[in-house]
Every structure is written in structure tokens, then in C-alpha cells.
Protein backbone atom coordinates (compact mmCIF):
# COMPACT_ATOMS: atom_id res chain seq x y z
CA MET A 1 -55.86 -14.99 -1.68
CA ILE A 2 -53.57 -12.22 -0.47
CA THR A 3 -54.54 -8.83 -1.81
CA PRO A 4 -51.54 -7.00 -3.21
CA MET A 5 -50.89 -3.67 -1.64
CA ARG A 6 -49.46 -0.53 -3.12
CA VAL A 7 -46.08 0.46 -1.68
CA PHE A 8 -43.52 3.12 -2.49
CA VAL A 9 -39.94 2.36 -3.52
CA LEU A 10 -37.03 4.54 -4.51
CA LEU A 11 -35.85 4.31 -8.12
CA PHE A 12 -32.90 5.87 -9.87
CA ASN A 13 -33.32 6.80 -13.55
CA ALA A 14 -37.01 5.87 -13.27
CA ARG A 15 -38.69 4.64 -16.44
CA THR A 16 -35.43 4.36 -18.42
CA GLU A 17 -33.51 1.33 -19.62
CA ASN A 18 -30.91 2.22 -16.97
CA GLU A 19 -33.37 2.11 -14.04
CA GLY A 20 -32.13 0.98 -10.64
CA ILE A 21 -33.94 0.32 -7.37
CA HIS A 22 -32.52 1.55 -4.07
CA SER A 23 -31.46 -1.16 -1.66
CA ILE A 24 -29.53 -1.19 1.58
CA ARG A 25 -26.77 -3.61 2.46
CA VAL A 26 -27.45 -5.73 5.54
CA GLY A 27 -24.54 -8.06 6.21
CA ASP A 28 -23.83 -9.72 2.88
CA ARG A 29 -27.39 -9.21 1.55
CA ASN A 30 -29.21 -6.39 -0.24
CA LYS A 31 -32.61 -5.35 1.04
CA VAL A 32 -35.25 -3.29 -0.77
CA LEU A 33 -37.37 -1.07 1.46
CA MET A 34 -41.07 -0.87 0.61
CA PHE A 35 -42.70 2.12 2.26
CA GLU A 36 -46.42 2.07 3.06
CA SER A 37 -46.38 5.88 3.18
CA GLU A 38 -45.35 8.05 0.24
CA ASP A 39 -44.33 10.76 2.72
CA ASP A 40 -41.97 8.37 4.54
CA ALA A 41 -40.43 7.32 1.19
CA THR A 42 -39.98 10.96 0.21
CA ARG A 43 -38.29 11.80 3.54
CA PHE A 44 -35.94 8.82 3.11
CA ALA A 45 -35.13 10.01 -0.43
CA LEU A 46 -34.34 13.49 0.88
CA MET A 47 -32.03 12.02 3.52
CA LEU A 48 -30.20 10.07 0.80
CA GLU A 49 -29.81 13.27 -1.19
CA ALA A 50 -28.41 15.01 1.92
CA GLN A 51 -25.75 12.26 2.02
CA ASP A 52 -24.70 13.26 -1.53
CA PHE A 53 -26.49 10.28 -3.04
CA PRO A 54 -28.15 10.79 -6.44
CA THR A 55 -31.75 11.93 -6.05
CA PRO A 56 -34.13 8.97 -6.34
CA THR A 57 -37.72 9.09 -7.58
CA VAL A 58 -40.47 7.82 -5.28
CA GLU A 59 -42.60 5.37 -7.26
CA ALA A 60 -45.81 3.56 -6.31
CA ILE A 61 -45.73 -0.14 -7.16
CA ASP A 62 -47.51 -3.36 -6.26
CA SER A 63 -45.73 -5.03 -3.33
CA GLU A 64 -45.97 -8.43 -5.05
CA GLU A 65 -43.99 -7.09 -8.04
CA VAL A 66 -41.22 -5.95 -5.70
CA LYS A 67 -41.19 -9.31 -3.92
CA GLU A 68 -40.98 -11.18 -7.25
CA PHE A 69 -38.10 -8.93 -8.35
CA CYS A 70 -36.28 -9.48 -5.05
CA GLN A 71 -36.71 -13.25 -5.26
CA GLY A 72 -35.39 -13.20 -8.83
CA VAL A 73 -32.19 -11.34 -7.94
CA GLY A 74 -31.65 -12.79 -4.45
CA TYR A 75 -32.52 -9.63 -2.48
CA ASP A 76 -34.44 -9.39 0.77
CA TRP A 77 -37.28 -6.92 1.27
CA GLU A 78 -38.84 -5.12 4.18
CA ILE A 79 -42.10 -3.25 4.48
CA VAL A 80 -41.69 0.03 6.37
CA PRO A 81 -45.08 0.54 8.08
CA ASN A 82 -46.92 3.83 7.91
CA GLU A 83 -46.20 6.05 10.92
CA SER A 84 -43.38 3.83 12.16
CA ALA A 85 -40.11 5.19 13.47
CA LEU A 86 -38.46 7.11 10.67
CA ALA A 87 -36.19 4.88 8.61
CA ILE A 88 -32.72 6.40 8.29
CA PRO A 89 -30.32 5.52 5.48
CA PRO A 90 -27.05 3.90 6.53
CA GLU A 91 -24.10 6.26 6.75
CA ASN A 92 -22.01 4.14 4.39
CA ASN A 93 -23.09 3.88 0.78
CA VAL A 94 -21.71 1.52 -1.83
CA GLU A 95 -19.23 3.13 -4.17
CA GLU A 96 -20.34 1.30 -7.30
CA THR A 97 -23.89 0.62 -8.38
CA ASP A 98 -25.33 -1.68 -11.02
CA TRP A 99 -26.70 1.41 -12.77
CA LYS A 100 -25.19 4.75 -13.78
CA LEU A 101 -26.76 8.17 -13.60
CA ASP A 102 -28.26 9.01 -16.99
CA SER A 103 -26.22 12.23 -17.02
CA GLU A 104 -22.98 10.23 -16.59
CA LYS A 105 -23.99 7.89 -19.40
CA ASP A 106 -24.85 10.82 -21.69
CA VAL A 107 -21.52 12.55 -21.00
CA ALA A 108 -19.59 9.35 -21.67
CA GLU A 109 -21.37 9.00 -25.02
CA GLU A 110 -20.77 12.66 -25.80
CA ILE A 111 -17.07 12.83 -24.92
CA LEU A 112 -15.76 9.48 -26.08
CA PRO A 113 -14.95 9.11 -29.77
CA PRO A 114 -17.17 6.53 -31.54
CA ASN A 115 -14.41 3.91 -31.58
CA GLN A 116 -13.96 4.39 -27.81
CA LYS A 117 -17.60 3.63 -26.96
CA SER A 118 -17.09 -0.07 -27.51
CA GLU A 119 -15.14 -2.11 -25.03
CA GLU A 120 -12.14 -2.55 -27.29
CA LYS A 121 -8.82 -1.73 -25.66
CA SER A 122 -7.09 1.41 -26.84
CA GLU A 123 -5.00 4.16 -25.38
CA LEU A 124 -6.20 7.74 -24.92
CA SER A 125 -3.72 10.56 -25.08
CA ASP A 126 -3.09 12.63 -21.95
CA SER A 127 -4.91 15.59 -23.49
CA GLU A 128 -7.97 13.41 -24.26
CA LEU A 129 -7.95 12.08 -20.68
CA ASP A 130 -7.66 15.63 -19.29
CA SER A 131 -10.57 16.75 -21.44
CA ILE A 132 -12.74 13.82 -20.28
CA ARG A 133 -11.76 14.45 -16.65
CA ARG A 134 -12.73 18.15 -16.88
CA LYS A 135 -16.12 17.28 -18.37
CA LEU A 136 -16.82 14.69 -15.70
CA GLU A 137 -15.75 17.05 -12.92
CA GLY A 138 -18.21 19.58 -14.34
CA LEU A 139 -21.00 17.14 -13.48
CA MET A 140 -20.18 17.22 -9.79
């Protein structure tokens, strides 16, 4: 029996219903990095932040749970060994993620009228669009 090991992964919006795991794109596949060292995971997270990526949370998790998740969604995984050469995030990041920053979600709920929160099609006036744009720009 293989003993599960504790690894560290990077999560966005950790412990929320909008949680997302960090993955890198390799060819046409996504790969989740599992760090043996919390320090290595933290350094990788700081490098992502330096690339203007949202700040991820370093979370300890059972490696088997990550592997099961990856198999379920068709992702690859890689264990980054302790004291290995420092993993460096790719220079290109995807523009759209499967998750949204909680702050973006909160602002959208705050600034859109109740009938606009659903996916029904309707037109916003120019002044409403300008107001929404100003609020979103304030987040950056």
C-alpha cells in the first residue's frame, strides 16, 4: 500500500465555493504542481504575484486527493521535490480562469441591479456601464 504524502498546492479563493487550484499549461494540457516543500510553494506563489497574478494561498493536502482531482478533470500533475531547482512560473498566463476573484464576484453583485444578476439579456445604459467600469477599475 502506498502511503499518501502531504504536499503543498496553490489555491485561489481557498475554502470558498469559488475555489480554484493553480495549474500550468503544458502543450494542450493543464498540470497541477504539488510541492514537497511549503517554502518552495510559497516562493512560487510570490513569483506569481510578481507577475501580477492574483495572490494564491499555499495549502497542505494529501497527494492522493490531488491526483484523484486531476484524473477527474483530465489534468496532469507533477511533484516538485524538496530542494530541487526552483520552479519558475511560465511568463504567459491564461487570460480567463474557471474561477473569479472573490472581490470581483462581490463587486459584480454589488453594482449590478438585481434583474441584471441573472443571465437574461438586457441593455445597460451608457451611464450604468461607465459606473460599473469605474468600480471595476478601482479594484485594479
